[in-house]
PDB file of N, CA and C in Angstrom:
ATOM      1  N   MET A   1     -24.887 -55.000 -17.243  1.00  0.00           N
ATOM      2  CA  MET A   1     -23.995 -54.411 -18.625  1.00  0.00           C
ATOM      3  C   MET A   1     -23.767 -52.900 -18.771  1.00  0.00           C
ATOM      4  N   ILE A   2     -24.695 -52.200 -18.574  1.00  0.00           N
ATOM      5  CA  ILE A   2     -24.376 -50.748 -18.628  1.00  0.00           C
ATOM      6  C   ILE A   2     -23.218 -50.392 -17.689  1.00  0.00           C
ATOM      7  N   GLY A   3     -23.078 -51.056 -16.464  1.00  0.00           N
ATOM      8  CA  GLY A   3     -22.385 -50.995 -15.729  1.00  0.00           C
ATOM      9  C   GLY A   3     -21.045 -51.210 -15.615  1.00  0.00           C
ATOM     10  N   THR A   4     -20.607 -52.282 -17.103  1.00  0.00           N
ATOM     11  CA  THR A   4     -19.581 -52.427 -17.145  1.00  0.00           C
ATOM     12  C   THR A   4     -18.784 -51.778 -18.511  1.00  0.00           C
ATOM     13  N   LEU A   5     -19.669 -51.412 -19.560  1.00  0.00           N
ATOM     14  CA  LEU A   5     -19.498 -50.851 -20.250  1.00  0.00           C
ATOM     15  C   LEU A   5     -19.065 -49.172 -19.901  1.00  0.00           C
ATOM     16  N   SER A   6     -20.016 -48.222 -18.624  1.00  0.00           N
ATOM     17  CA  SER A   6     -19.798 -47.606 -18.575  1.00  0.00           C
ATOM     18  C   SER A   6     -18.231 -47.379 -17.766  1.00  0.00           C
ATOM     19  N   GLN A   7     -17.804 -48.548 -17.219  1.00  0.00           N
ATOM     20  CA  GLN A   7     -16.509 -48.175 -16.807  1.00  0.00           C
ATOM     21  C   GLN A   7     -15.772 -48.378 -17.796  1.00  0.00           C
ATOM     22  N   MET A   8     -15.527 -49.049 -18.671  1.00  0.00           N
ATOM     23  CA  MET A   8     -14.920 -49.444 -20.000  1.00  0.00           C
ATOM     24  C   MET A   8     -14.661 -47.735 -20.161  1.00  0.00           C
ATOM     25  N   ALA A   9     -15.586 -47.507 -20.625  1.00  0.00           N
ATOM     26  CA  ALA A   9     -15.587 -45.878 -21.023  1.00  0.00           C
ATOM     27  C   ALA A   9     -14.782 -45.010 -20.365  1.00  0.00           C
ATOM     28  N   ALA A  10     -15.181 -44.933 -19.098  1.00  0.00           N
ATOM     29  CA  ALA A  10     -14.254 -44.099 -18.042  1.00  0.00           C
ATOM     30  C   ALA A  10     -12.945 -44.329 -18.283  1.00  0.00           C
ATOM     31  N   GLY A  11     -12.819 -45.809 -18.202  1.00  0.00           N
ATOM     32  CA  GLY A  11     -11.478 -45.864 -17.897  1.00  0.00           C
ATOM     33  C   GLY A  11     -10.443 -45.616 -19.200  1.00  0.00           C
ATOM     34  N   SER A  12     -11.509 -45.749 -20.498  1.00  0.00           N
ATOM     35  CA  SER A  12     -10.159 -45.673 -21.466  1.00  0.00           C
ATOM     36  C   SER A  12     -10.466 -44.360 -21.834  1.00  0.00           C
ATOM     37  N   THR A  13     -11.246 -43.405 -21.378  1.00  0.00           N
ATOM     38  CA  THR A  13     -11.158 -41.923 -21.810  1.00  0.00           C
ATOM     39  C   THR A  13     -10.629 -41.355 -20.348  1.00  0.00           C
ATOM     40  N   HIS A  14     -10.086 -41.718 -19.476  1.00  0.00           N
ATOM     41  CA  HIS A  14      -9.575 -40.861 -18.326  1.00  0.00           C
ATOM     42  C   HIS A  14      -8.383 -40.383 -18.621  1.00  0.00           C
ATOM     43  N   TYR A  15      -8.428 -38.948 -18.207  1.00  0.00           N
ATOM     44  CA  TYR A  15      -7.116 -38.023 -18.033  1.00  0.00           C
ATOM     45  C   TYR A  15      -6.760 -37.570 -16.919  1.00  0.00           C
ATOM     46  N   VAL A  16      -5.285 -37.580 -16.407  1.00  0.00           N
ATOM     47  CA  VAL A  16      -4.799 -36.792 -15.298  1.00  0.00           C
ATOM     48  C   VAL A  16      -3.737 -36.311 -16.120  1.00  0.00           C
ATOM     49  N   ALA A  17      -3.939 -34.893 -15.472  1.00  0.00           N
ATOM     50  CA  ALA A  17      -2.293 -34.235 -15.783  1.00  0.00           C
ATOM     51  C   ALA A  17      -1.291 -34.416 -15.175  1.00  0.00           C
ATOM     52  N   PRO A  18       0.068 -34.046 -16.110  1.00  0.00           N
ATOM     53  CA  PRO A  18       0.980 -34.549 -15.739  1.00  0.00           C
ATOM     54  C   PRO A  18       1.251 -33.962 -14.225  1.00  0.00           C
ATOM     55  N   SER A  19       1.144 -32.730 -13.800  1.00  0.00           N
ATOM     56  CA  SER A  19       1.260 -31.914 -13.006  1.00  0.00           C
ATOM     57  C   SER A  19       0.351 -32.860 -12.008  1.00  0.00           C
ATOM     58  N   ARG A  20      -0.470 -33.291 -11.897  1.00  0.00           N
ATOM     59  CA  ARG A  20      -1.370 -33.975 -11.179  1.00  0.00           C
ATOM     60  C   ARG A  20      -0.912 -35.137 -10.716  1.00  0.00           C
ATOM     61  N   LEU A  21      -0.403 -36.186 -11.962  1.00  0.00           N
ATOM     62  CA  LEU A  21       0.262 -37.112 -11.402  1.00  0.00           C
ATOM     63  C   LEU A  21       1.759 -37.171 -10.680  1.00  0.00           C
ATOM     64  N   ARG A  22       2.348 -35.997 -11.052  1.00  0.00           N
ATOM     65  CA  ARG A  22       3.529 -35.951  -9.942  1.00  0.00           C
ATOM     66  C   ARG A  22       2.905 -35.821  -8.571  1.00  0.00           C
ATOM     67  N   ASN A  23       2.217 -34.819  -8.411  1.00  0.00           N
ATOM     68  CA  ASN A  23       1.272 -34.623  -7.175  1.00  0.00           C
ATOM     69  C   ASN A  23       1.056 -35.624  -6.541  1.00  0.00           C
ATOM     70  N   LEU A  24       0.462 -36.546  -6.976  1.00  0.00           N
ATOM     71  CA  LEU A  24      -0.200 -37.927  -6.490  1.00  0.00           C
ATOM     72  C   LEU A  24       1.006 -38.672  -6.379  1.00  0.00           C
ATOM     73  N   SER A  25       2.023 -38.971  -7.060  1.00  0.00           N
ATOM     74  CA  SER A  25       3.378 -39.459  -6.681  1.00  0.00           C
ATOM     75  C   SER A  25       4.401 -38.838  -5.559  1.00  0.00           C
ATOM     76  N   ALA A  26       4.041 -37.497  -5.533  1.00  0.00           N
ATOM     77  CA  ALA A  26       4.790 -37.154  -4.160  1.00  0.00           C
ATOM     78  C   ALA A  26       4.152 -37.458  -2.757  1.00  0.00           C
ATOM     79  N   THR A  27       2.963 -38.162  -2.760  1.00  0.00           N
ATOM     80  CA  THR A  27       2.231 -37.968  -1.764  1.00  0.00           C
ATOM     81  C   THR A  27       1.904 -39.676  -1.042  1.00  0.00           C
ATOM     82  N   ILE A  28       2.662 -40.492  -2.227  1.00  0.00           N
ATOM     83  CA  ILE A  28       2.252 -42.047  -2.183  1.00  0.00           C
ATOM     84  C   ILE A  28       4.062 -42.545  -1.960  1.00  0.00           C
ATOM     85  N   PRO A  29       4.191 -43.153  -1.058  1.00  0.00           N
ATOM     86  CA  PRO A  29       5.336 -43.968  -0.388  1.00  0.00           C
ATOM     87  C   PRO A  29       6.181 -44.452  -1.706  1.00  0.00           C
ATOM     88  N   LYS A  30       5.257 -45.333  -2.186  1.00  0.00           N
ATOM     89  CA  LYS A  30       5.672 -46.154  -3.681  1.00  0.00           C
ATOM     90  C   LYS A  30       4.791 -46.526  -4.782  1.00  0.00           C
ATOM     91  N   VAL A  31       5.256 -45.923  -5.971  1.00  0.00           N
ATOM     92  CA  VAL A  31       4.393 -46.153  -7.379  1.00  0.00           C
ATOM     93  C   VAL A  31       4.692 -47.066  -7.863  1.00  0.00           C
ATOM     94  N   LEU A  32       3.907 -48.007  -8.314  1.00  0.00           N
ATOM     95  CA  LEU A  32       3.943 -48.944  -9.347  1.00  0.00           C
ATOM     96  C   LEU A  32       3.351 -48.947 -10.605  1.00  0.00           C
ATOM     97  N   ILE A  33       3.428 -49.393 -11.668  1.00  0.00           N
ATOM     98  CA  ILE A  33       3.054 -48.912 -12.711  1.00  0.00           C
ATOM     99  C   ILE A  33       3.311 -50.484 -13.379  1.00  0.00           C
ATOM    100  N   LEU A  34       2.101 -51.382 -13.593  1.00  0.00           N
ATOM    101  CA  LEU A  34       2.045 -52.609 -13.726  1.00  0.00           C
ATOM    102  C   LEU A  34       1.210 -52.568 -15.286  1.00  0.00           C
ATOM    103  N   THR A  35       1.827 -53.469 -16.407  1.00  0.00           N
ATOM    104  CA  THR A  35       0.999 -53.810 -17.304  1.00  0.00           C
ATOM    105  C   THR A  35       1.678 -55.167 -17.927  1.00  0.00           C
ATOM    106  N   GLY A  36       0.866 -55.704 -19.391  1.00  0.00           N
ATOM    107  CA  GLY A  36       1.037 -56.737 -19.581  1.00  0.00           C
ATOM    108  C   GLY A  36       1.407 -56.185 -21.177  1.00  0.00           C
ATOM    109  N   ASP A  37       2.078 -56.905 -21.698  1.00  0.00           N
ATOM    110  CA  ASP A  37       2.431 -56.757 -22.935  1.00  0.00           C
ATOM    111  C   ASP A  37       1.445 -56.976 -24.083  1.00  0.00           C
ATOM    112  N   GLN A  38       0.501 -57.770 -23.778  1.00  0.00           N
ATOM    113  CA  GLN A  38      -0.530 -57.878 -24.726  1.00  0.00           C
ATOM    114  C   GLN A  38      -2.136 -57.704 -23.854  1.00  0.00           C
ATOM    115  N   ASP A  39      -2.091 -56.566 -23.470  1.00  0.00           N
ATOM    116  CA  ASP A  39      -2.993 -55.758 -23.125  1.00  0.00           C
ATOM    117  C   ASP A  39      -4.093 -55.535 -24.157  1.00  0.00           C
ATOM    118  N   ASN A  40      -4.918 -55.580 -24.295  1.00  0.00           N
ATOM    119  CA  ASN A  40      -6.061 -55.580 -25.661  1.00  0.00           C
ATOM    120  C   ASN A  40      -7.093 -54.531 -25.277  1.00  0.00           C
ATOM    121  N   LEU A  41      -6.859 -53.931 -23.722  1.00  0.00           N
ATOM    122  CA  LEU A  41      -8.364 -53.300 -23.216  1.00  0.00           C
ATOM    123  C   LEU A  41      -7.688 -51.984 -23.058  1.00  0.00           C
ATOM    124  N   ILE A  42      -6.603 -51.747 -22.498  1.00  0.00           N
ATOM    125  CA  ILE A  42      -5.562 -50.892 -22.039  1.00  0.00           C
ATOM    126  C   ILE A  42      -4.565 -50.727 -22.979  1.00  0.00           C
ATOM    127  N   ASN A  43      -4.267 -50.047 -24.057  1.00  0.00           N
ATOM    128  CA  ASN A  43      -3.043 -50.204 -24.429  1.00  0.00           C
ATOM    129  C   ASN A  43      -1.636 -49.851 -23.671  1.00  0.00           C
ATOM    130  N   PRO A  44      -0.791 -50.742 -23.520  1.00  0.00           N
ATOM    131  CA  PRO A  44       0.563 -50.637 -22.604  1.00  0.00           C
ATOM    132  C   PRO A  44       1.340 -49.208 -23.123  1.00  0.00           C
ATOM    133  N   ARG A  45       0.864 -48.608 -24.019  1.00  0.00           N
ATOM    134  CA  ARG A  45       1.891 -47.288 -24.204  1.00  0.00           C
ATOM    135  C   ARG A  45       1.181 -46.296 -23.358  1.00  0.00           C
ATOM    136  N   HIS A  46       0.013 -46.521 -22.678  1.00  0.00           N
ATOM    137  CA  HIS A  46      -0.412 -45.730 -21.696  1.00  0.00           C
ATOM    138  C   HIS A  46       0.195 -45.689 -20.262  1.00  0.00           C
ATOM    139  N   SER A  47       1.044 -46.683 -19.999  1.00  0.00           N
ATOM    140  CA  SER A  47       2.071 -47.313 -18.824  1.00  0.00           C
ATOM    141  C   SER A  47       3.390 -46.561 -19.269  1.00  0.00           C
ATOM    142  N   VAL A  48       3.554 -46.650 -20.607  1.00  0.00           N
ATOM    143  CA  VAL A  48       4.831 -45.900 -20.853  1.00  0.00           C
ATOM    144  C   VAL A  48       5.063 -44.482 -20.346  1.00  0.00           C
ATOM    145  N   ASN A  49       3.696 -43.610 -20.694  1.00  0.00           N
ATOM    146  CA  ASN A  49       3.494 -42.523 -20.681  1.00  0.00           C
ATOM    147  C   ASN A  49       3.318 -41.888 -18.878  1.00  0.00           C
ATOM    148  N   LEU A  50       2.624 -42.747 -18.496  1.00  0.00           N
ATOM    149  CA  LEU A  50       2.884 -42.921 -16.941  1.00  0.00           C
ATOM    150  C   LEU A  50       4.099 -42.553 -15.919  1.00  0.00           C
ATOM    151  N   LYS A  51       5.169 -43.494 -16.976  1.00  0.00           N
ATOM    152  CA  LYS A  51       5.915 -43.703 -16.259  1.00  0.00           C
ATOM    153  C   LYS A  51       7.486 -42.248 -16.906  1.00  0.00           C
ATOM    154  N   LYS A  52       6.577 -41.815 -17.894  1.00  0.00           N
ATOM    155  CA  LYS A  52       7.663 -40.630 -18.431  1.00  0.00           C
ATOM    156  C   LYS A  52       7.272 -39.315 -17.278  1.00  0.00           C
ATOM    157  N   HIS A  53       5.911 -39.445 -17.077  1.00  0.00           N
ATOM    158  CA  HIS A  53       5.469 -38.444 -16.011  1.00  0.00           C
ATOM    159  C   HIS A  53       5.619 -38.546 -14.409  1.00  0.00           C
ATOM    160  N   ILE A  54       5.812 -39.911 -14.160  1.00  0.00           N
ATOM    161  CA  ILE A  54       6.348 -40.524 -13.181  1.00  0.00           C
ATOM    162  C   ILE A  54       7.506 -40.871 -12.875  1.00  0.00           C
ATOM    163  N   PRO A  55       8.487 -40.206 -12.868  1.00  0.00           N
ATOM    164  CA  PRO A  55       9.802 -41.331 -13.338  1.00  0.00           C
ATOM    165  C   PRO A  55      10.241 -42.182 -12.148  1.00  0.00           C
ATOM    166  N   GLU A  56      10.203 -41.523 -11.185  1.00  0.00           N
ATOM    167  CA  GLU A  56      10.576 -42.283  -9.655  1.00  0.00           C
ATOM    168  C   GLU A  56       9.597 -43.888  -9.567  1.00  0.00           C
ATOM    169  N   ALA A  57       8.417 -43.818 -10.419  1.00  0.00           N
ATOM    170  CA  ALA A  57       8.147 -44.957 -10.029  1.00  0.00           C
ATOM    171  C   ALA A  57       8.711 -46.057 -10.323  1.00  0.00           C
ATOM    172  N   GLU A  58       8.188 -47.225 -10.000  1.00  0.00           N
ATOM    173  CA  GLU A  58       8.718 -48.783 -10.761  1.00  0.00           C
ATOM    174  C   GLU A  58       7.834 -49.034 -11.551  1.00  0.00           C
ATOM    175  N   TYR A  59       8.105 -49.578 -12.747  1.00  0.00           N
ATOM    176  CA  TYR A  59       7.535 -49.493 -14.095  1.00  0.00           C
ATOM    177  C   TYR A  59       7.795 -51.105 -14.156  1.00  0.00           C
ATOM    178  N   VAL A  60       6.690 -52.185 -14.615  1.00  0.00           N
ATOM    179  CA  VAL A  60       6.972 -53.192 -14.473  1.00  0.00           C
ATOM    180  C   VAL A  60       6.223 -54.065 -15.631  1.00  0.00           C
ATOM    181  N   VAL A  61       6.550 -54.680 -16.973  1.00  0.00           N
ATOM    182  CA  VAL A  61       5.418 -54.868 -18.055  1.00  0.00           C
ATOM    183  C   VAL A  61       5.809 -56.737 -17.784  1.00  0.00           C
ATOM    184  N   PHE A  62       4.702 -57.000 -17.726  1.00  0.00           N
ATOM    185  CA  PHE A  62       4.374 -58.496 -17.457  1.00  0.00           C
ATOM    186  C   PHE A  62       4.259 -59.186 -19.016  1.00  0.00           C
ATOM    187  N   GLU A  63       5.291 -59.937 -19.761  1.00  0.00           N
ATOM    188  CA  GLU A  63       5.569 -60.648 -21.566  1.00  0.00           C
ATOM    189  C   GLU A  63       4.017 -61.816 -21.109  1.00  0.00           C
ATOM    190  N   GLY A  64       3.972 -61.949 -22.132  1.00  0.00           N
ATOM    191  CA  GLY A  64       2.999 -62.781 -22.172  1.00  0.00           C
ATOM    192  C   GLY A  64       1.690 -62.543 -21.767  1.00  0.00           C
ATOM    193  N   THR A  65       1.340 -61.407 -21.066  1.00  0.00           N
ATOM    194  CA  THR A  65       0.116 -61.501 -20.499  1.00  0.00           C
ATOM    195  C   THR A  65      -0.672 -59.596 -20.903  1.00  0.00           C
ATOM    196  N   GLY A  66      -1.917 -59.859 -20.893  1.00  0.00           N
ATOM    197  CA  GLY A  66      -3.174 -59.579 -20.730  1.00  0.00           C
ATOM    198  C   GLY A  66      -3.383 -58.401 -19.975  1.00  0.00           C
ATOM    199  N   HIS A  67      -4.708 -58.294 -19.918  1.00  0.00           N
ATOM    200  CA  HIS A  67      -5.113 -57.066 -19.525  1.00  0.00           C
ATOM    201  C   HIS A  67      -5.499 -57.718 -17.384  1.00  0.00           C
ATOM    202  N   VAL A  68      -5.679 -58.421 -17.547  1.00  0.00           N
ATOM    203  CA  VAL A  68      -5.663 -59.216 -16.039  1.00  0.00           C
ATOM    204  C   VAL A  68      -4.677 -59.764 -15.637  1.00  0.00           C
ATOM    205  N   VAL A  69      -3.741 -59.205 -14.764  1.00  0.00           N
ATOM    206  CA  VAL A  69      -2.648 -59.285 -14.883  1.00  0.00           C
ATOM    207  C   VAL A  69      -2.698 -60.466 -13.502  1.00  0.00           C
ATOM    208  N   HIS A  70      -3.565 -60.053 -12.502  1.00  0.00           N
ATOM    209  CA  HIS A  70      -3.447 -60.362 -11.648  1.00  0.00           C
ATOM    210  C   HIS A  70      -4.126 -62.086 -11.252  1.00  0.00           C
ATOM    211  N   ALA A  71      -4.616 -62.318 -12.564  1.00  0.00           N
ATOM    212  CA  ALA A  71      -5.407 -63.414 -12.618  1.00  0.00           C
ATOM    213  C   ALA A  71      -4.577 -64.202 -13.527  1.00  0.00           C
ATOM    214  N   GLN A  72      -3.774 -63.852 -14.171  1.00  0.00           N
ATOM    215  CA  GLN A  72      -3.221 -64.586 -15.443  1.00  0.00           C
ATOM    216  C   GLN A  72      -1.930 -64.955 -14.650  1.00  0.00           C
ATOM    217  N   ARG A  73      -0.916 -64.201 -13.925  1.00  0.00           N
ATOM    218  CA  ARG A  73       0.114 -64.097 -13.743  1.00  0.00           C
ATOM    219  C   ARG A  73      -0.104 -64.054 -11.551  1.00  0.00           C
ATOM    220  N   LYS A  74      -0.726 -64.907 -11.594  1.00  0.00           N
ATOM    221  CA  LYS A  74      -0.899 -64.883  -9.723  1.00  0.00           C
ATOM    222  C   LYS A  74       0.036 -64.510  -8.854  1.00  0.00           C
ATOM    223  N   LYS A  75       1.481 -65.739  -9.224  1.00  0.00           N
ATOM    224  CA  LYS A  75       2.518 -66.135  -8.281  1.00  0.00           C
ATOM    225  C   LYS A  75       3.217 -65.050  -8.669  1.00  0.00           C
ATOM    226  N   ARG A  76       3.637 -64.427  -9.537  1.00  0.00           N
ATOM    227  CA  ARG A  76       4.132 -63.275  -9.656  1.00  0.00           C
ATOM    228  C   ARG A  76       3.683 -62.187  -9.483  1.00  0.00           C
ATOM    229  N   PHE A  77       2.731 -61.867  -9.633  1.00  0.00           N
ATOM    230  CA  PHE A  77       1.588 -61.070  -9.030  1.00  0.00           C
ATOM    231  C   PHE A  77       1.820 -60.625  -7.541  1.00  0.00           C
ATOM    232  N   ASN A  78       1.750 -61.484  -6.772  1.00  0.00           N
ATOM    233  CA  ASN A  78       1.366 -61.343  -5.511  1.00  0.00           C
ATOM    234  C   ASN A  78       2.500 -61.126  -4.918  1.00  0.00           C
ATOM    235  N   ALA A  79       3.990 -61.885  -5.736  1.00  0.00           N
ATOM    236  CA  ALA A  79       5.281 -61.483  -5.358  1.00  0.00           C
ATOM    237  C   ALA A  79       5.855 -59.836  -5.269  1.00  0.00           C
ATOM    238  N   LEU A  80       5.398 -59.543  -6.365  1.00  0.00           N
ATOM    239  CA  LEU A  80       5.358 -58.241  -6.998  1.00  0.00           C
ATOM    240  C   LEU A  80       4.787 -57.220  -5.671  1.00  0.00           C
ATOM    241  N   LEU A  81       3.411 -57.458  -5.748  1.00  0.00           N
ATOM    242  CA  LEU A  81       2.880 -56.613  -4.916  1.00  0.00           C
ATOM    243  C   LEU A  81       3.376 -56.809  -3.432  1.00  0.00           C
ATOM    244  N   GLU A  82       3.514 -57.993  -2.843  1.00  0.00           N
ATOM    245  CA  GLU A  82       4.167 -58.343  -1.205  1.00  0.00           C
ATOM    246  C   GLU A  82       5.208 -57.018  -1.094  1.00  0.00           C
ATOM    247  N   ARG A  83       6.236 -56.997  -2.467  1.00  0.00           N
ATOM    248  CA  ARG A  83       7.802 -56.320  -2.339  1.00  0.00           C
ATOM    249  C   ARG A  83       7.067 -54.987  -2.752  1.00  0.00           C
ATOM    250  N   ILE A  84       6.421 -54.792  -3.220  1.00  0.00           N
ATOM    251  CA  ILE A  84       5.801 -53.102  -3.208  1.00  0.00           C
ATOM    252  C   ILE A  84       5.695 -52.246  -1.561  1.00  0.00           C
ATOM    253  N   VAL A  85       4.795 -53.398  -1.013  1.00  0.00           N
ATOM    254  CA  VAL A  85       4.013 -53.078   0.052  1.00  0.00           C
ATOM    255  C   VAL A  85       4.951 -53.072   0.774  1.00  0.00           C
ATOM    256  N   SER A  86       6.196 -53.734   1.118  1.00  0.00           N
ATOM    257  CA  SER A  86       6.937 -53.706   1.841  1.00  0.00           C
ATOM    258  C   SER A  86       8.210 -52.657   1.808  1.00  0.00           C
ATOM    259  N   GLU A  87       8.641 -52.225   0.880  1.00  0.00           N
ATOM    260  CA  GLU A  87       9.420 -51.292   0.232  1.00  0.00           C
ATOM    261  C   GLU A  87       8.373 -49.757   0.801  1.00  0.00           C
ATOM    262  N   ALA A  88       7.096 -49.834   0.301  1.00  0.00           N
ATOM    263  CA  ALA A  88       6.383 -48.764   0.745  1.00  0.00           C
ATOM    264  C   ALA A  88       6.077 -48.506   2.127  1.00  0.00           C
ATOM    265  N   ARG A  89       5.876 -49.546   2.926  1.00  0.00           N
ATOM    266  CA  ARG A  89       6.060 -49.295   4.620  1.00  0.00           C
ATOM    267  C   ARG A  89       7.524 -48.755   4.784  1.00  0.00           C
ATOM    268  N   GLU A  90       8.243 -49.365   4.305  1.00  0.00           N
ATOM    269  CA  GLU A  90       9.946 -48.780   4.928  1.00  0.00           C
ATOM    270  C   GLU A  90      10.326 -47.389   4.436  1.00  0.00           C
ATOM    271  N   ARG A  91       9.574 -46.466   3.966  1.00  0.00           N
ATOM    272  CA  ARG A  91       9.799 -45.466   3.445  1.00  0.00           C
ATOM    273  C   ARG A  91       8.218 -44.533   4.086  1.00  0.00           C
ATOM    274  N   VAL A  92       7.489 -44.980   5.112  1.00  0.00           N
ATOM    275  CA  VAL A  92       6.860 -44.464   5.696  1.00  0.00           C
ATOM    276  C   VAL A  92       7.414 -43.770   6.819  1.00  0.00           C
ATOM    277  N   ILE A  93       6.941 -42.791   7.076  1.00  0.00           N
ATOM    278  CA  ILE A  93       7.356 -41.982   8.628  1.00  0.00           C
ATOM    279  C   ILE A  93       6.162 -41.981   9.507  1.00  0.00           C
ATOM    280  N   ILE A  94       6.415 -42.713  10.795  1.00  0.00           N
ATOM    281  CA  ILE A  94       5.469 -42.453  11.391  1.00  0.00           C
ATOM    282  C   ILE A  94       6.134 -41.559  12.778  1.00  0.00           C
TER     283      ILE A  94
END
């Protein structure tokens, strides 16, 4: 129980500076920002803020979905994840 509460506190108070977000984005082949429009744990406006600071990221909102996107929309989530990984692989220079 303490672990769960600690994780929730860490997630809800976590801050990454815009410059750090840009740096992270520059080192990752494909960035996806995914949220549910009914997320009551992490307000979807935080995803909007991330998109503002990482404009090249793909921003996706699952309507009628809460915080557990991967469990609530399994097929759609898996299809999206497969596409994102495929696109990222195409961008990686080996």
